[in-house]
N, C-alpha and C. Protein backbone atom coordinates (compact mmCIF):
# COMPACT_ATOMS: atom_id res chain seq x y z
N MET A 1 -26.91 -9.64 3.11
CA MET A 1 -25.65 -9.67 3.83
C MET A 1 -25.60 -10.96 4.65
N VAL A 2 -24.40 -11.51 4.82
CA VAL A 2 -24.23 -12.77 5.54
C VAL A 2 -23.65 -12.47 6.92
N TYR A 3 -24.24 -13.14 7.92
CA TYR A 3 -23.82 -12.96 9.31
C TYR A 3 -23.46 -14.30 9.93
N LEU A 4 -22.48 -14.30 10.81
CA LEU A 4 -22.21 -15.44 11.67
C LEU A 4 -22.92 -15.14 12.98
N ALA A 5 -23.77 -16.04 13.42
CA ALA A 5 -24.56 -15.78 14.61
C ALA A 5 -24.66 -17.05 15.45
N GLN A 6 -25.03 -16.85 16.70
CA GLN A 6 -25.25 -17.97 17.62
C GLN A 6 -26.72 -17.96 18.02
N VAL A 7 -27.34 -19.14 17.87
CA VAL A 7 -28.76 -19.25 18.22
C VAL A 7 -28.87 -19.09 19.73
N LYS A 8 -29.77 -18.20 20.16
CA LYS A 8 -30.01 -17.98 21.60
C LYS A 8 -31.24 -18.74 22.07
N THR A 9 -32.35 -18.43 21.50
CA THR A 9 -33.60 -19.07 21.94
C THR A 9 -34.56 -19.21 20.77
N HIS A 10 -35.55 -20.05 20.98
CA HIS A 10 -36.67 -20.15 20.05
C HIS A 10 -37.74 -19.23 20.59
N THR A 11 -38.28 -18.40 19.76
CA THR A 11 -39.38 -17.54 20.15
C THR A 11 -40.62 -18.14 19.49
N PRO A 12 -41.64 -17.41 19.26
CA PRO A 12 -42.84 -18.06 18.70
C PRO A 12 -42.46 -19.15 17.70
N PRO A 13 -43.33 -20.03 17.41
CA PRO A 13 -43.04 -21.29 16.73
C PRO A 13 -42.04 -21.24 15.57
N GLN A 14 -42.08 -20.24 14.74
CA GLN A 14 -41.22 -20.26 13.55
C GLN A 14 -40.15 -19.19 13.61
N GLN A 15 -39.67 -18.84 14.80
CA GLN A 15 -38.66 -17.79 14.90
C GLN A 15 -37.52 -18.23 15.80
N LEU A 16 -36.33 -17.67 15.49
CA LEU A 16 -35.14 -17.87 16.31
C LEU A 16 -34.63 -16.51 16.75
N SER A 17 -34.12 -16.45 17.96
CA SER A 17 -33.42 -15.26 18.40
C SER A 17 -31.94 -15.60 18.34
N VAL A 18 -31.17 -14.78 17.60
CA VAL A 18 -29.74 -15.05 17.42
C VAL A 18 -28.92 -13.83 17.82
N ALA A 19 -27.70 -14.08 18.29
CA ALA A 19 -26.75 -13.00 18.59
C ALA A 19 -25.75 -12.95 17.44
N VAL A 20 -25.63 -11.81 16.82
CA VAL A 20 -24.71 -11.64 15.70
C VAL A 20 -23.28 -11.55 16.24
N LEU A 21 -22.39 -12.40 15.71
CA LEU A 21 -20.99 -12.43 16.14
C LEU A 21 -20.07 -11.73 15.14
N ALA A 22 -20.39 -11.86 13.85
CA ALA A 22 -19.56 -11.26 12.80
C ALA A 22 -20.42 -11.08 11.56
N ARG A 23 -19.94 -10.20 10.68
CA ARG A 23 -20.64 -10.01 9.41
C ARG A 23 -19.62 -10.09 8.29
N GLN A 24 -20.07 -10.63 7.17
CA GLN A 24 -19.19 -10.77 6.02
C GLN A 24 -19.11 -9.43 5.31
N VAL A 25 -17.89 -8.90 5.21
CA VAL A 25 -17.68 -7.60 4.57
C VAL A 25 -17.54 -7.80 3.06
N THR A 26 -16.64 -8.69 2.66
CA THR A 26 -16.47 -9.07 1.26
C THR A 26 -16.32 -10.58 1.24
N ASP A 27 -16.22 -11.14 0.06
CA ASP A 27 -16.09 -12.58 -0.04
C ASP A 27 -14.83 -13.04 0.69
N GLY A 28 -15.01 -13.80 1.74
CA GLY A 28 -13.88 -14.32 2.51
C GLY A 28 -13.38 -13.39 3.60
N LYS A 29 -13.88 -12.18 3.68
CA LYS A 29 -13.45 -11.22 4.71
C LYS A 29 -14.60 -10.97 5.67
N TRP A 30 -14.28 -11.04 6.96
CA TRP A 30 -15.31 -10.89 7.99
C TRP A 30 -14.93 -9.78 8.95
N ALA A 31 -15.92 -9.07 9.45
CA ALA A 31 -15.72 -8.06 10.50
C ALA A 31 -16.34 -8.62 11.77
N VAL A 32 -15.54 -8.73 12.79
CA VAL A 32 -16.02 -9.27 14.06
C VAL A 32 -16.76 -8.17 14.80
N GLU A 33 -17.94 -8.50 15.28
CA GLU A 33 -18.73 -7.54 16.04
C GLU A 33 -18.23 -7.56 17.48
N SER A 34 -17.97 -6.39 18.03
CA SER A 34 -17.52 -6.35 19.42
C SER A 34 -18.69 -6.71 20.34
N HIS A 35 -18.36 -7.04 21.57
CA HIS A 35 -19.39 -7.48 22.52
C HIS A 35 -20.48 -6.42 22.67
N THR A 36 -20.07 -5.14 22.65
CA THR A 36 -21.06 -4.07 22.82
C THR A 36 -21.90 -3.89 21.56
N GLU A 37 -21.36 -4.29 20.39
CA GLU A 37 -22.10 -4.12 19.15
C GLU A 37 -22.99 -5.31 18.82
N GLN A 38 -22.80 -6.43 19.55
CA GLN A 38 -23.60 -7.61 19.25
C GLN A 38 -25.07 -7.27 19.44
N GLU A 39 -25.82 -7.72 18.48
CA GLU A 39 -27.25 -7.45 18.58
C GLU A 39 -28.01 -8.75 18.39
N ASN A 40 -29.11 -8.82 19.07
CA ASN A 40 -29.98 -9.98 18.89
C ASN A 40 -30.95 -9.67 17.77
N ILE A 41 -31.07 -10.62 16.88
CA ILE A 41 -31.98 -10.49 15.75
C ILE A 41 -32.97 -11.63 15.84
N THR A 42 -34.20 -11.34 15.55
CA THR A 42 -35.21 -12.39 15.49
C THR A 42 -35.38 -12.76 14.03
N VAL A 43 -35.22 -14.05 13.75
CA VAL A 43 -35.26 -14.55 12.38
C VAL A 43 -36.51 -15.39 12.21
N SER A 44 -37.28 -15.06 11.19
CA SER A 44 -38.47 -15.86 10.87
C SER A 44 -38.05 -16.97 9.92
N LEU A 45 -38.50 -18.20 10.24
CA LEU A 45 -38.19 -19.36 9.41
C LEU A 45 -39.43 -19.88 8.73
N LEU A 46 -39.25 -20.79 7.81
CA LEU A 46 -40.38 -21.30 7.04
C LEU A 46 -41.31 -22.19 7.85
N SER A 47 -40.70 -23.00 8.72
CA SER A 47 -41.54 -23.95 9.44
C SER A 47 -41.06 -24.12 10.87
N GLU A 48 -41.94 -24.63 11.72
CA GLU A 48 -41.59 -24.88 13.10
C GLU A 48 -40.54 -25.99 13.17
N ALA A 49 -40.61 -26.95 12.26
CA ALA A 49 -39.62 -28.04 12.23
C ALA A 49 -38.23 -27.49 11.93
N GLU A 50 -38.18 -26.52 11.04
CA GLU A 50 -36.90 -25.89 10.72
C GLU A 50 -36.34 -25.17 11.94
N ALA A 51 -37.19 -24.52 12.70
CA ALA A 51 -36.76 -23.83 13.91
C ALA A 51 -36.21 -24.81 14.93
N GLN A 52 -36.81 -25.99 15.04
CA GLN A 52 -36.36 -26.99 16.00
C GLN A 52 -35.00 -27.57 15.61
N PHE A 53 -34.64 -27.47 14.33
CA PHE A 53 -33.38 -28.00 13.83
C PHE A 53 -32.19 -27.20 14.35
N TRP A 54 -32.43 -25.96 14.80
CA TRP A 54 -31.36 -25.07 15.24
C TRP A 54 -31.45 -24.88 16.76
N PRO A 55 -30.87 -25.79 17.56
CA PRO A 55 -30.95 -25.65 19.01
C PRO A 55 -30.10 -24.48 19.52
N ALA A 56 -30.39 -24.02 20.73
CA ALA A 56 -29.65 -22.91 21.33
C ALA A 56 -28.17 -23.26 21.39
N GLY A 57 -27.33 -22.27 21.09
CA GLY A 57 -25.88 -22.45 21.11
C GLY A 57 -25.28 -22.79 19.75
N THR A 58 -26.11 -23.16 18.79
CA THR A 58 -25.62 -23.53 17.46
C THR A 58 -25.11 -22.28 16.74
N LEU A 59 -23.96 -22.44 16.07
CA LEU A 59 -23.43 -21.36 15.24
C LEU A 59 -24.02 -21.52 13.84
N VAL A 60 -24.57 -20.41 13.33
CA VAL A 60 -25.22 -20.45 12.02
C VAL A 60 -24.72 -19.31 11.15
N LEU A 61 -24.85 -19.53 9.85
CA LEU A 61 -24.62 -18.47 8.87
C LEU A 61 -25.98 -18.03 8.38
N LEU A 62 -26.26 -16.75 8.57
CA LEU A 62 -27.55 -16.19 8.16
C LEU A 62 -27.34 -15.28 6.97
N GLU A 63 -28.14 -15.48 5.95
CA GLU A 63 -28.15 -14.55 4.84
C GLU A 63 -29.45 -13.76 4.97
N LEU A 64 -29.31 -12.46 5.22
CA LEU A 64 -30.48 -11.62 5.42
C LEU A 64 -30.65 -10.68 4.24
N ASP A 65 -31.90 -10.43 3.89
CA ASP A 65 -32.16 -9.49 2.81
C ASP A 65 -32.13 -8.06 3.38
N ALA A 66 -32.44 -7.10 2.55
CA ALA A 66 -32.38 -5.68 2.96
C ALA A 66 -33.32 -5.37 4.12
N ASN A 67 -34.41 -6.14 4.27
CA ASN A 67 -35.38 -5.92 5.35
C ASN A 67 -35.08 -6.79 6.57
N PHE A 68 -33.88 -7.40 6.59
CA PHE A 68 -33.44 -8.29 7.66
C PHE A 68 -34.34 -9.53 7.80
N ASN A 69 -34.90 -9.97 6.67
CA ASN A 69 -35.62 -11.24 6.65
C ASN A 69 -34.64 -12.32 6.23
N CYS A 70 -34.81 -13.50 6.79
CA CYS A 70 -33.89 -14.60 6.53
C CYS A 70 -34.09 -15.14 5.11
N ALA A 71 -33.05 -15.01 4.29
CA ALA A 71 -33.08 -15.55 2.94
C ALA A 71 -32.50 -16.96 2.94
N ASN A 72 -31.58 -17.24 3.88
CA ASN A 72 -30.95 -18.55 3.96
C ASN A 72 -30.33 -18.71 5.35
N ILE A 73 -30.37 -19.92 5.87
CA ILE A 73 -29.72 -20.23 7.13
C ILE A 73 -29.04 -21.57 6.97
N GLN A 74 -27.79 -21.65 7.46
CA GLN A 74 -27.07 -22.91 7.37
C GLN A 74 -26.10 -23.05 8.54
N ASP A 75 -25.70 -24.27 8.80
CA ASP A 75 -24.76 -24.56 9.88
C ASP A 75 -23.41 -23.92 9.53
N ALA A 76 -22.81 -23.19 10.47
CA ALA A 76 -21.56 -22.49 10.23
C ALA A 76 -20.34 -23.39 10.43
N LEU A 77 -20.52 -24.53 11.10
CA LEU A 77 -19.39 -25.37 11.46
C LEU A 77 -18.54 -25.81 10.26
N PRO A 78 -19.11 -26.29 9.16
CA PRO A 78 -18.24 -26.69 8.03
C PRO A 78 -17.37 -25.55 7.51
N GLN A 79 -17.94 -24.36 7.39
CA GLN A 79 -17.16 -23.22 6.88
C GLN A 79 -16.09 -22.82 7.89
N LEU A 80 -16.41 -22.85 9.18
CA LEU A 80 -15.42 -22.52 10.20
C LEU A 80 -14.27 -23.53 10.19
N LEU A 81 -14.58 -24.81 10.04
CA LEU A 81 -13.54 -25.84 9.98
C LEU A 81 -12.67 -25.67 8.74
N GLN A 82 -13.30 -25.32 7.63
CA GLN A 82 -12.54 -25.08 6.40
C GLN A 82 -11.57 -23.91 6.61
N GLY A 83 -12.05 -22.85 7.26
CA GLY A 83 -11.18 -21.71 7.57
C GLY A 83 -10.02 -22.09 8.46
N LEU A 84 -10.27 -22.95 9.43
CA LEU A 84 -9.19 -23.41 10.31
C LEU A 84 -8.18 -24.25 9.53
N ASN A 85 -8.64 -25.07 8.60
CA ASN A 85 -7.72 -25.86 7.79
C ASN A 85 -6.80 -24.97 6.97
N VAL A 86 -7.34 -23.89 6.45
CA VAL A 86 -6.52 -22.95 5.68
C VAL A 86 -5.49 -22.32 6.60
N LEU A 87 -5.89 -21.96 7.81
CA LEU A 87 -4.96 -21.33 8.75
C LEU A 87 -3.87 -22.27 9.22
N THR A 88 -4.18 -23.56 9.32
CA THR A 88 -3.20 -24.51 9.83
C THR A 88 -2.46 -25.25 8.73
N ALA A 89 -2.73 -24.94 7.48
CA ALA A 89 -2.02 -25.60 6.37
C ALA A 89 -0.54 -25.27 6.48
N PRO A 90 0.33 -26.24 6.18
CA PRO A 90 1.76 -25.99 6.30
C PRO A 90 2.21 -24.89 5.33
N SER A 91 3.08 -24.08 5.83
CA SER A 91 3.62 -22.99 5.02
C SER A 91 4.65 -23.54 4.05
N PRO A 92 4.72 -22.98 2.84
CA PRO A 92 5.74 -23.45 1.90
C PRO A 92 7.15 -23.19 2.43
N LEU A 93 7.28 -22.27 3.39
CA LEU A 93 8.60 -21.98 3.96
C LEU A 93 8.99 -22.97 5.05
N SER A 94 8.11 -23.94 5.35
CA SER A 94 8.47 -24.93 6.36
C SER A 94 9.32 -26.05 5.75
N ASP A 95 9.37 -26.12 4.43
CA ASP A 95 10.18 -27.12 3.74
C ASP A 95 11.61 -26.60 3.64
N PRO A 96 12.62 -27.38 4.12
CA PRO A 96 14.02 -26.91 4.07
C PRO A 96 14.49 -26.54 2.67
N GLN A 97 14.02 -27.27 1.66
CA GLN A 97 14.42 -26.96 0.29
C GLN A 97 13.88 -25.59 -0.12
N ASN A 98 12.63 -25.30 0.25
CA ASN A 98 12.05 -23.99 -0.07
C ASN A 98 12.77 -22.89 0.69
N ILE A 99 13.14 -23.17 1.92
CA ILE A 99 13.85 -22.16 2.73
C ILE A 99 15.19 -21.84 2.09
N GLU A 100 15.91 -22.86 1.65
CA GLU A 100 17.22 -22.65 1.01
C GLU A 100 17.07 -21.87 -0.29
N GLN A 101 16.05 -22.23 -1.09
CA GLN A 101 15.81 -21.51 -2.34
C GLN A 101 15.47 -20.04 -2.05
N TRP A 102 14.65 -19.82 -1.06
CA TRP A 102 14.27 -18.45 -0.68
C TRP A 102 15.50 -17.67 -0.22
N ARG A 103 16.36 -18.31 0.58
CA ARG A 103 17.58 -17.66 1.07
C ARG A 103 18.48 -17.28 -0.10
N GLN A 104 18.63 -18.20 -1.07
CA GLN A 104 19.47 -17.93 -2.24
C GLN A 104 18.91 -16.78 -3.07
N GLU A 105 17.59 -16.75 -3.24
CA GLU A 105 16.97 -15.66 -3.99
C GLU A 105 17.20 -14.32 -3.29
N LEU A 106 17.07 -14.33 -1.96
CA LEU A 106 17.31 -13.09 -1.21
C LEU A 106 18.77 -12.66 -1.30
N THR A 107 19.67 -13.63 -1.28
CA THR A 107 21.10 -13.31 -1.41
C THR A 107 21.38 -12.68 -2.77
N LEU A 108 20.82 -13.26 -3.83
CA LEU A 108 21.00 -12.69 -5.17
C LEU A 108 20.43 -11.28 -5.27
N LYS A 109 19.24 -11.10 -4.72
CA LYS A 109 18.63 -9.76 -4.75
C LYS A 109 19.46 -8.76 -3.96
N SER A 110 20.01 -9.20 -2.85
CA SER A 110 20.86 -8.33 -2.04
C SER A 110 22.11 -7.95 -2.81
N GLN A 111 22.72 -8.92 -3.51
CA GLN A 111 23.91 -8.63 -4.31
C GLN A 111 23.58 -7.66 -5.44
N GLU A 112 22.44 -7.88 -6.09
CA GLU A 112 22.02 -6.97 -7.15
C GLU A 112 21.84 -5.56 -6.62
N MET A 113 21.21 -5.45 -5.46
CA MET A 113 21.01 -4.13 -4.86
C MET A 113 22.35 -3.47 -4.52
N SER A 114 23.29 -4.25 -4.00
CA SER A 114 24.62 -3.71 -3.67
C SER A 114 25.31 -3.19 -4.93
N MET A 115 25.22 -3.96 -6.02
CA MET A 115 25.83 -3.53 -7.28
C MET A 115 25.18 -2.23 -7.78
N LYS A 116 23.87 -2.17 -7.70
CA LYS A 116 23.18 -0.96 -8.14
C LYS A 116 23.55 0.24 -7.27
N MET A 117 23.71 0.00 -5.97
CA MET A 117 24.09 1.09 -5.07
C MET A 117 25.50 1.60 -5.41
N LEU A 118 26.43 0.66 -5.71
CA LEU A 118 27.79 1.06 -6.10
C LEU A 118 27.76 1.84 -7.42
N GLU A 119 26.97 1.37 -8.37
CA GLU A 119 26.85 2.05 -9.65
C GLU A 119 26.29 3.46 -9.46
N LEU A 120 25.27 3.59 -8.61
CA LEU A 120 24.70 4.92 -8.35
C LEU A 120 25.71 5.83 -7.66
N ALA A 121 26.49 5.29 -6.72
CA ALA A 121 27.51 6.09 -6.04
C ALA A 121 28.56 6.56 -7.04
N SER A 122 28.95 5.68 -7.96
CA SER A 122 29.93 6.04 -8.99
C SER A 122 29.38 7.14 -9.89
N ARG A 123 28.13 7.00 -10.30
CA ARG A 123 27.51 8.03 -11.15
C ARG A 123 27.42 9.36 -10.41
N ARG A 124 27.08 9.29 -9.12
CA ARG A 124 26.98 10.52 -8.33
C ARG A 124 28.34 11.21 -8.25
N GLU A 125 29.42 10.44 -8.05
CA GLU A 125 30.76 11.03 -7.99
C GLU A 125 31.12 11.69 -9.31
N ARG A 126 30.81 11.00 -10.44
CA ARG A 126 31.09 11.57 -11.76
C ARG A 126 30.32 12.86 -11.98
N LEU A 127 29.05 12.85 -11.59
CA LEU A 127 28.25 14.07 -11.75
C LEU A 127 28.79 15.21 -10.90
N GLU A 128 29.20 14.91 -9.68
CA GLU A 128 29.75 15.95 -8.82
C GLU A 128 31.05 16.51 -9.41
N ALA A 129 31.90 15.61 -9.98
CA ALA A 129 33.14 16.07 -10.61
C ALA A 129 32.83 16.94 -11.82
N GLU A 130 31.86 16.53 -12.64
CA GLU A 130 31.47 17.33 -13.80
C GLU A 130 30.86 18.66 -13.38
N GLU A 131 30.08 18.65 -12.28
CA GLU A 131 29.53 19.91 -11.77
C GLU A 131 30.64 20.85 -11.34
N ALA A 132 31.64 20.30 -10.65
CA ALA A 132 32.77 21.13 -10.19
C ALA A 132 33.53 21.69 -11.40
N GLU A 133 33.72 20.85 -12.42
CA GLU A 133 34.42 21.32 -13.62
C GLU A 133 33.62 22.41 -14.32
N LEU A 134 32.30 22.22 -14.41
CA LEU A 134 31.46 23.25 -15.04
C LEU A 134 31.48 24.55 -14.24
N ALA A 135 31.48 24.44 -12.93
CA ALA A 135 31.54 25.64 -12.09
C ALA A 135 32.87 26.36 -12.31
N SER A 136 33.95 25.59 -12.43
CA SER A 136 35.28 26.18 -12.67
C SER A 136 35.30 26.88 -14.03
N ARG A 137 34.75 26.21 -15.06
CA ARG A 137 34.69 26.82 -16.39
C ARG A 137 33.85 28.08 -16.37
N HIS A 138 32.76 28.03 -15.63
CA HIS A 138 31.88 29.20 -15.54
C HIS A 138 32.63 30.38 -14.91
N GLU A 139 33.36 30.12 -13.84
CA GLU A 139 34.14 31.19 -13.19
C GLU A 139 35.20 31.72 -14.15
N HIS A 140 35.87 30.81 -14.87
CA HIS A 140 36.90 31.22 -15.83
C HIS A 140 36.28 32.09 -16.92
N LEU A 141 35.10 31.67 -17.44
CA LEU A 141 34.42 32.46 -18.47
C LEU A 141 34.01 33.84 -17.94
N LYS A 142 33.56 33.87 -16.68
CA LYS A 142 33.20 35.17 -16.08
C LYS A 142 34.43 36.08 -16.00
N ALA A 143 35.57 35.49 -15.62
CA ALA A 143 36.80 36.28 -15.53
C ALA A 143 37.20 36.79 -16.92
N GLU A 144 37.12 35.93 -17.95
CA GLU A 144 37.46 36.36 -19.31
C GLU A 144 36.48 37.43 -19.80
N GLU A 145 35.20 37.26 -19.45
CA GLU A 145 34.21 38.26 -19.86
C GLU A 145 34.50 39.60 -19.19
N ALA A 146 34.89 39.57 -17.94
CA ALA A 146 35.25 40.82 -17.24
C ALA A 146 36.47 41.47 -17.89
N GLU A 147 37.46 40.63 -18.27
CA GLU A 147 38.66 41.15 -18.95
C GLU A 147 38.29 41.77 -20.29
N LEU A 148 37.39 41.10 -21.05
CA LEU A 148 36.95 41.65 -22.33
C LEU A 148 36.21 42.98 -22.13
N ASP A 149 35.39 43.06 -21.08
CA ASP A 149 34.68 44.32 -20.80
C ASP A 149 35.68 45.44 -20.50
N ARG A 150 36.74 45.10 -19.73
CA ARG A 150 37.75 46.12 -19.43
C ARG A 150 38.47 46.56 -20.71
N GLU A 151 38.78 45.60 -21.59
CA GLU A 151 39.44 45.94 -22.85
C GLU A 151 38.52 46.78 -23.73
N ARG A 152 37.21 46.44 -23.77
CA ARG A 152 36.26 47.25 -24.55
C ARG A 152 36.21 48.68 -24.03
N GLN A 153 36.16 48.79 -22.70
CA GLN A 153 36.12 50.14 -22.11
C GLN A 153 37.41 50.90 -22.45
N HIS A 154 38.53 50.19 -22.36
CA HIS A 154 39.82 50.82 -22.68
C HIS A 154 39.85 51.27 -24.15
N LEU A 155 39.37 50.36 -25.06
CA LEU A 155 39.33 50.72 -26.47
C LEU A 155 38.36 51.88 -26.71
N ALA A 156 37.24 51.87 -26.02
CA ALA A 156 36.27 52.95 -26.19
C ALA A 156 36.88 54.28 -25.75
N ILE A 157 37.64 54.22 -24.67
CA ILE A 157 38.30 55.45 -24.17
C ILE A 157 39.33 55.90 -25.19
N GLU A 158 40.12 54.96 -25.73
CA GLU A 158 41.14 55.31 -26.72
C GLU A 158 40.48 55.91 -27.96
N ARG A 159 39.40 55.36 -28.45
CA ARG A 159 38.69 55.89 -29.62
C ARG A 159 38.17 57.30 -29.33
N ALA A 160 37.62 57.42 -28.14
CA ALA A 160 37.10 58.74 -27.77
C ALA A 160 38.23 59.77 -27.77
N GLN A 161 39.39 59.36 -27.26
CA GLN A 161 40.54 60.28 -27.24
C GLN A 161 41.02 60.59 -28.65
N GLN A 162 41.07 59.53 -29.50
CA GLN A 162 41.49 59.74 -30.87
C GLN A 162 40.51 60.64 -31.61
N THR A 163 39.21 60.44 -31.36
CA THR A 163 38.20 61.25 -32.03
C THR A 163 38.33 62.71 -31.56
N SER A 164 38.56 62.88 -30.25
CA SER A 164 38.70 64.26 -29.75
C SER A 164 39.99 64.90 -30.25
N GLU A 165 41.07 64.12 -30.40
CA GLU A 165 42.33 64.67 -30.92
C GLU A 165 42.14 65.04 -32.41
N SER A 166 41.41 64.20 -33.16
CA SER A 166 41.17 64.48 -34.57
C SER A 166 40.31 65.74 -34.70
N ALA A 167 39.36 65.90 -33.81
CA ALA A 167 38.49 67.07 -33.87
C ALA A 167 39.28 68.32 -33.52
N VAL A 168 40.24 68.21 -32.61
CA VAL A 168 41.04 69.37 -32.23
C VAL A 168 41.96 69.73 -33.38
N LYS A 169 42.52 68.82 -34.09
CA LYS A 169 43.45 69.08 -35.20
C LYS A 169 42.70 69.72 -36.37
N GLU A 170 41.51 69.50 -36.52
CA GLU A 170 40.80 70.04 -37.69
C GLU A 170 40.36 71.39 -37.39
């Protein structure tokens, strides 16, 4: 894992004491350690000369293995400056031509959305009208079905009467 740390002190000849400021979560993404979470780590280096190369206050990038042994140490300043350059690079929207193009694209998208909204409203009105017509037809069919049921009952009564009259005559 890679850490951004600040060298605090030199301890025995080949060691540095560093305060961890941030840790790399993914490539290019860092998690800043809060003041309460900062921890001092003692890093063993290859040589005393290497330890002298990192004076107190220096910002370093530490690559630590699973056992928190130093796999690599390097000056953090170049990477920090590169990050600042990315942050301060001019935005493409700072160019008036880009701003105008962006405005025109947004205007077109807004017009397209308005047209789609009108089309949807029109479709909704048509569906509501068709629903009302279907409901009216349904009520009409129910009324006709009720009339047919009354006629069937009337015919059934008439048949029953005719059958009973025929039975009486015989």
